Structures are given as structure tokens and as C-alpha cells.
Amino acid sequence: MSAAGTLAFDEYGRPFIIIRDQERKKRLTGVDALKAHIQAARAVANTLKTSLGPKGLDKMMISSDGDVTVTNDGATILKMMDVEHQIAKLLVQLSQSQDDEIGDGTTGVVVLAGSLMEQAEQLLDRGIHPIRIADGFELAARHAIEHLDKIGDSYPVDVANTEPLIQTAMTTLGSKIINRCHRQMAEIAVQAVLSVADFDRKDVDFELIKVEGKVGGKLEDSMLVRGVVVDKDFSHPQMPKELHDVKIAILTCPFEQIGRASCRERV
């Protein structure tokens, strides 16, 4: 048999080939394996580093179907990336968790994690055990949280005065493509959240807020609709385009225009 594999037989005498690919594989152990994981995490972080901040650059993502997406949102970029390394997948999950829990800072957490991995690599070169490095990061996180609690300010939410909320929303939209409609988009976001917020439980159900995109028009045409949007076309051009104080029928079955059918009746 050639060097590509070995011919073997099972218990019933049927032949099968064992491919020799073990020689082409390299198994890493110890510090070398740790550094390989760190390099994978840093590679993902370096990909997003140029998209961080108000001067961050956009990334053009092309899917397997040929769809093109231009964005600088960290969660969107990582979601569309084809990541195979397990450590790199952890950073993708980190960004998605940040997006689900907070809704912002998806790029920052990945860049911060990459920087921590870079510092951890230097500590490994000095002979410090990985468990000691992890314990040090945990201790540093506790000190950082205590310091943030000391310097942090609390701003109560006042429905009558939404200006602080709008200013806060504007800071999160500064690096997005909609920054030319900065103020308008921030006001829409604040009003949408206040419309569905539960002030007693201090909770917001984001499932009650839907974003609908329509082709055509400008960003300045965006508006907040407090109600239900039914995306339907006019059955006839003479139908009225605006009605007030109307009654609405909600049907649980299809209700479409049906062509005139020909039939014969016998009595």
C-alpha cells in the first residue's frame, strides 16, 4: 500500500483504508498551546480594532449568497465571520452576549478581551502560571467595579425631561451610519423606549419595539409609529390614504382581493 494510507480488514473480512494524516498534524501542549489560543483571540480583536470609536472604519461583509453588508457594529461583523477556532468562537459569543444584555459596546468588549490576552501572553513569558494570571484579572475586575461605583453618578429618569436620555442615546449613535440624523434618531429611540417601558419594574421589553425598513426615501423620513403597522398595498387607486376615528376589523384568516369567478347555477 502507498504511504497515503494503510489497508486493513474488519472482523468480517471487509477491507478499509486508514488514511495517514497524523504526520501532517501538529499537536501543541503547554505554553505553546496557550499562546496559539491567545493568537487566535488577538486575531479576532485586531479585526474589530479599526472599527472602534467615532472614527472607526466600516467593514464590508459578503455572505455566501452574495449579500453585501457594510457596518462597523462588532456583533454584526462577528456574526457574519466564518470563525472555526474555538477560542475565537468564545469572543463571538462574548460580543453576542454583550449585545443581548446591554445592546451596545459589542466592539469594545472584544477589543478589551484581546488586550487582556496580549498582556497575559507577556505574563506567560515571565513564567507565571495561567491560574495566577486568571486570579489577577478577577481581582483587578473587582477593584475596577468598586472604583466605578465610587465615581459613577445616578441620573433619575424623568419622562417630562428627556434631554439627558437623548444626549445619552446620541453618544451610542455617533459611530453609526445614521450619524447625520444624530438628533432625530436619538429622539425616536428614546420615545420608543419610553412608550413601552415599565417604570414600576424598571424593565423594557424590546420585543414590543419593531424596526421596519422601506426602500426609497431618506433617513430624515424616518418616524415613530405608536401602534401597529400593516404593510399592505392599496386595492384601488381611489381608496382614501388617510382616515381618522375608524373601526378596525382583525381577521384570523386570509383576506385578499379575489378575481371575479364564472359559475353556473341550476334551480
Protein backbone atom coordinates (compact mmCIF):
# COMPACT_ATOMS: atom_id res chain seq x y z
CA MET A 1 0.00 0.00 0.00
CA SER A 2 1.23 3.55 -0.64
CA ALA A 3 2.30 5.99 2.05
CA ALA A 4 -1.09 7.71 1.82
CA GLY A 5 -2.76 5.03 3.92
CA THR A 6 -2.82 1.50 5.24
CA LEU A 7 -5.09 -1.32 4.13
CA ALA A 8 -6.84 -3.10 6.99
CA PHE A 9 -9.70 -5.57 7.43
CA ASP A 10 -12.58 -5.56 9.87
CA GLU A 11 -13.90 -8.55 11.81
CA TYR A 12 -16.00 -9.66 8.82
CA GLY A 13 -13.06 -9.57 6.42
CA ARG A 14 -14.14 -6.37 4.65
CA PRO A 15 -11.23 -4.14 3.67
CA PHE A 16 -10.97 -0.46 4.57
CA ILE A 17 -8.21 2.14 4.30
CA ILE A 18 -6.70 4.03 7.22
CA ILE A 19 -5.50 7.42 5.96
CA ARG A 20 -2.20 8.58 7.36
CA ASP A 21 -2.75 12.26 8.09
CA GLN A 22 -1.39 12.25 11.61
CA GLU A 23 2.06 13.20 10.33
CA ARG A 24 0.68 16.39 8.81
CA LYS A 25 -0.96 17.41 12.08
CA LYS A 26 0.87 19.17 14.86
CA ARG A 27 -0.20 18.79 18.45
CA LEU A 28 0.63 21.68 20.78
CA THR A 29 0.87 21.34 24.53
CA GLY A 30 1.74 23.54 27.47
CA VAL A 31 2.68 27.17 26.90
CA ASP A 32 2.73 26.74 23.12
CA ALA A 33 -0.94 25.71 23.14
CA LEU A 34 -1.84 28.68 25.34
CA LYS A 35 -0.04 31.08 23.02
CA ALA A 36 -1.82 29.60 20.00
CA HIS A 37 -5.17 30.27 21.67
CA ILE A 38 -4.07 33.81 22.55
CA GLN A 39 -3.03 34.47 18.95
CA ALA A 40 -6.47 33.34 17.72
CA ALA A 41 -8.22 35.69 20.16
CA ARG A 42 -5.94 38.59 19.23
CA ALA A 43 -6.60 38.00 15.53
CA VAL A 44 -10.34 38.48 16.07
CA ALA A 45 -9.76 41.52 18.28
CA ASN A 46 -7.42 43.12 15.73
CA THR A 47 -10.10 42.68 13.07
CA LEU A 48 -12.54 44.79 15.10
CA LYS A 49 -9.99 47.27 16.49
CA THR A 50 -10.17 49.51 13.42
CA SER A 51 -13.97 49.76 13.80
CA LEU A 52 -13.85 51.10 17.37
CA GLY A 53 -14.89 54.64 18.22
CA PRO A 54 -16.48 57.51 16.27
CA LYS A 55 -13.60 57.46 13.77
CA GLY A 56 -13.87 53.71 13.28
CA LEU A 57 -13.90 52.27 9.79
CA ASP A 58 -16.75 50.27 8.29
CA LYS A 59 -16.32 46.67 7.21
CA MET A 60 -17.80 45.24 4.02
CA MET A 61 -19.12 41.74 4.65
CA ILE A 62 -20.15 39.47 1.76
CA SER A 63 -22.20 36.39 2.62
CA SER A 64 -22.14 33.08 0.78
CA ASP A 65 -25.29 34.16 -1.08
CA GLY A 66 -23.59 37.31 -2.33
CA ASP A 67 -25.40 39.72 0.00
CA VAL A 68 -23.24 42.73 0.88
CA THR A 69 -23.41 44.31 4.36
CA VAL A 70 -21.49 47.45 5.30
CA THR A 71 -21.32 48.03 9.06
CA ASN A 72 -18.99 48.82 11.96
CA ASP A 73 -21.12 47.05 14.57
CA GLY A 74 -18.99 44.44 16.32
CA ALA A 75 -21.79 41.92 16.88
CA THR A 76 -22.86 42.08 13.23
CA ILE A 77 -19.29 41.68 11.94
CA LEU A 78 -18.55 38.70 14.17
CA LYS A 79 -21.89 37.08 13.40
CA MET A 80 -21.10 37.13 9.68
CA MET A 81 -17.49 35.99 10.04
CA ASP A 82 -16.69 32.33 9.39
CA VAL A 83 -14.84 31.51 12.63
CA GLU A 84 -13.61 27.97 13.21
CA HIS A 85 -11.20 28.30 16.15
CA GLN A 86 -12.90 27.50 19.45
CA ILE A 87 -11.27 30.37 21.36
CA ALA A 88 -12.24 32.79 18.60
CA LYS A 89 -15.82 31.48 18.86
CA LEU A 90 -15.78 32.46 22.55
CA LEU A 91 -15.16 36.07 21.53
CA VAL A 92 -18.06 35.85 19.10
CA GLN A 93 -20.30 34.61 21.93
CA LEU A 94 -18.93 37.39 24.17
CA SER A 95 -19.97 40.01 21.65
CA GLN A 96 -23.42 38.46 21.23
CA SER A 97 -23.95 38.33 25.00
CA GLN A 98 -22.99 41.99 25.27
CA ASP A 99 -25.47 42.82 22.51
CA ASP A 100 -28.27 40.83 24.18
CA GLU A 101 -27.70 42.19 27.70
CA ILE A 102 -26.64 45.80 27.07
CA GLY A 103 -27.23 46.49 23.39
CA ASP A 104 -24.02 48.50 22.99
CA GLY A 105 -20.28 48.07 23.41
CA THR A 106 -20.04 44.92 21.28
CA THR A 107 -16.80 46.08 19.68
CA GLY A 108 -15.26 47.38 22.91
CA VAL A 109 -15.59 44.14 24.86
CA VAL A 110 -13.82 42.15 22.13
CA VAL A 111 -11.01 44.70 21.83
CA LEU A 112 -10.65 44.75 25.63
CA ALA A 113 -10.53 40.95 25.75
CA GLY A 114 -7.85 40.95 23.03
CA SER A 115 -5.78 43.46 25.02
CA LEU A 116 -6.05 41.31 28.14
CA MET A 117 -4.88 38.31 26.14
CA GLU A 118 -1.92 40.32 24.90
CA GLN A 119 -0.93 41.19 28.47
CA ALA A 120 -1.48 37.59 29.53
CA GLU A 121 0.99 36.43 26.89
CA GLN A 122 3.67 38.67 28.36
CA LEU A 123 2.99 37.23 31.81
CA LEU A 124 3.28 33.70 30.43
CA ASP A 125 6.72 34.56 29.04
CA ARG A 126 7.75 35.56 32.55
CA GLY A 127 6.82 32.10 33.81
CA ILE A 128 3.61 32.98 35.68
CA HIS A 129 1.06 30.16 35.86
CA PRO A 130 -2.20 30.70 33.88
CA ILE A 131 -4.30 30.19 37.02
CA ARG A 132 -2.41 33.01 38.75
CA ILE A 133 -3.00 35.24 35.73
CA ALA A 134 -6.73 34.48 35.77
CA ASP A 135 -6.89 35.18 39.52
CA GLY A 136 -5.14 38.50 38.92
CA PHE A 137 -7.65 39.50 36.24
CA GLU A 138 -10.51 38.58 38.57
CA LEU A 139 -9.05 40.67 41.39
CA ALA A 140 -8.50 43.59 39.01
CA ALA A 141 -12.13 43.35 37.84
CA ARG A 142 -13.38 43.61 41.43
CA HIS A 143 -11.23 46.68 42.08
CA ALA A 144 -12.41 48.27 38.82
CA ILE A 145 -16.09 47.72 39.72
CA GLU A 146 -15.55 49.23 43.18
CA HIS A 147 -13.90 52.27 41.65
CA LEU A 148 -16.69 52.68 39.09
CA ASP A 149 -19.26 52.59 41.92
CA LYS A 150 -17.37 55.44 43.61
CA ILE A 151 -17.05 57.74 40.61
CA GLY A 152 -20.37 56.87 38.95
CA ASP A 153 -23.33 59.25 39.04
CA SER A 154 -27.00 58.30 39.13
CA TYR A 155 -29.45 60.10 36.86
CA PRO A 156 -33.16 59.51 37.54
CA VAL A 157 -35.37 59.03 34.52
CA ASP A 158 -37.88 61.84 34.13
CA VAL A 159 -40.50 61.43 31.43
CA ALA A 160 -41.06 65.18 31.38
CA ASN A 161 -37.36 65.88 30.77
CA THR A 162 -35.97 63.54 28.14
CA GLU A 163 -32.95 65.65 27.21
CA PRO A 164 -30.45 63.61 29.33
CA LEU A 165 -31.74 60.41 27.74
CA ILE A 166 -31.43 61.88 24.26
CA GLN A 167 -27.87 63.01 24.94
CA THR A 168 -27.02 59.52 26.18
CA ALA A 169 -28.56 57.92 23.11
CA MET A 170 -26.61 60.29 20.85
CA THR A 171 -23.32 59.04 22.27
CA THR A 172 -24.15 55.47 21.21
CA LEU A 173 -25.14 56.53 17.69
CA GLY A 174 -22.05 58.61 16.97
CA SER A 175 -20.19 55.83 15.18
CA LYS A 176 -23.16 54.53 13.18
CA ILE A 177 -24.04 55.29 9.61
CA ILE A 178 -27.05 57.33 10.77
CA ASN A 179 -24.90 59.96 12.48
CA ARG A 180 -26.03 62.63 10.01
CA CYS A 181 -29.51 62.27 11.55
CA HIS A 182 -27.99 62.09 15.02
CA ARG A 183 -30.55 64.05 16.98
CA GLN A 184 -33.61 62.73 15.17
CA MET A 185 -32.67 59.07 15.57
CA ALA A 186 -31.84 59.57 19.25
CA GLU A 187 -35.25 61.18 19.87
CA ILE A 188 -37.02 58.32 18.06
CA ALA A 189 -35.12 55.74 20.13
CA VAL A 190 -35.89 57.47 23.43
CA GLN A 191 -39.58 57.93 22.65
CA ALA A 192 -39.89 54.30 21.53
CA VAL A 193 -38.35 53.00 24.76
CA LEU A 194 -40.43 55.30 26.96
CA SER A 195 -43.59 54.14 25.19
CA VAL A 196 -43.13 50.51 26.26
CA ALA A 197 -41.06 50.91 29.46
CA ASP A 198 -42.37 49.51 32.74
CA PHE A 199 -41.26 52.07 35.33
CA ASP A 200 -42.51 50.00 38.26
CA ARG A 201 -40.29 47.03 37.43
CA LYS A 202 -37.62 49.21 35.77
CA ASP A 203 -37.69 46.99 32.73
CA VAL A 204 -38.13 47.39 28.99
CA ASP A 205 -39.50 44.64 26.76
CA PHE A 206 -37.64 45.26 23.50
CA GLU A 207 -39.83 42.68 21.76
CA LEU A 208 -42.53 45.37 21.69
CA ILE A 209 -40.33 47.62 19.54
CA LYS A 210 -40.01 46.73 15.88
CA VAL A 211 -37.83 48.38 13.24
CA GLU A 212 -39.20 48.33 9.69
CA GLY A 213 -37.07 49.39 6.75
CA LYS A 214 -38.62 50.62 3.50
CA VAL A 215 -36.85 51.09 0.19
CA GLY A 216 -36.77 54.66 -1.07
CA GLY A 217 -36.93 57.98 0.71
CA LYS A 218 -34.30 59.47 3.02
CA LEU A 219 -33.17 58.91 6.57
CA GLU A 220 -34.90 62.14 7.52
CA ASP A 221 -38.23 60.48 6.58
CA SER A 222 -37.90 58.02 9.50
CA MET A 223 -40.67 58.29 12.05
CA LEU A 224 -42.02 56.62 15.17
CA VAL A 225 -45.44 54.98 14.89
CA ARG A 226 -47.17 54.37 18.20
CA GLY A 227 -49.34 51.50 17.12
CA VAL A 228 -49.39 48.70 14.57
CA VAL A 229 -48.01 48.96 11.05
CA VAL A 230 -49.82 46.84 8.46
CA ASP A 231 -47.73 46.57 5.31
CA LYS A 232 -50.36 46.37 2.56
CA ASP A 233 -50.87 47.95 -0.83
CA PHE A 234 -53.99 49.78 -1.98
CA SER A 235 -56.51 47.56 -3.74
CA HIS A 236 -57.73 50.55 -5.76
CA PRO A 237 -56.01 53.89 -6.50
CA GLN A 238 -59.12 55.84 -5.42
CA MET A 239 -59.05 54.44 -1.90
CA PRO A 240 -58.53 57.14 0.77
CA LYS A 241 -54.94 57.40 2.04
CA GLU A 242 -55.77 58.82 5.45
CA LEU A 243 -58.65 58.05 7.81
CA HIS A 244 -59.40 59.16 11.36
CA ASP A 245 -61.54 57.62 14.13
CA VAL A 246 -62.18 54.43 12.20
CA LYS A 247 -63.18 50.96 13.31
CA ILE A 248 -60.70 48.16 12.69
CA ALA A 249 -61.60 44.56 11.94
CA ILE A 250 -58.98 41.99 12.95
CA LEU A 251 -59.27 38.78 10.95
CA THR A 252 -57.53 35.50 11.68
CA CYS A 253 -57.95 34.26 8.11
CA PRO A 254 -56.55 35.47 4.76
CA PHE A 255 -58.47 38.38 3.29
CA GLU A 256 -57.22 39.19 -0.20
CA GLN A 257 -58.81 40.52 -3.37
CA ILE A 258 -60.21 37.64 -5.40
CA GLY A 259 -60.85 37.82 -9.12
CA ARG A 260 -64.38 37.52 -10.48
CA ALA A 261 -65.22 33.87 -10.98
CA SER A 262 -67.68 32.50 -13.51
CA CYS A 263 -70.17 29.92 -12.32
CA ARG A 264 -73.47 28.41 -13.35
CA GLU A 265 -76.38 27.73 -11.11
CA ARG A 266 -79.15 25.28 -11.65
CA VAL A 267 -82.50 25.57 -9.92
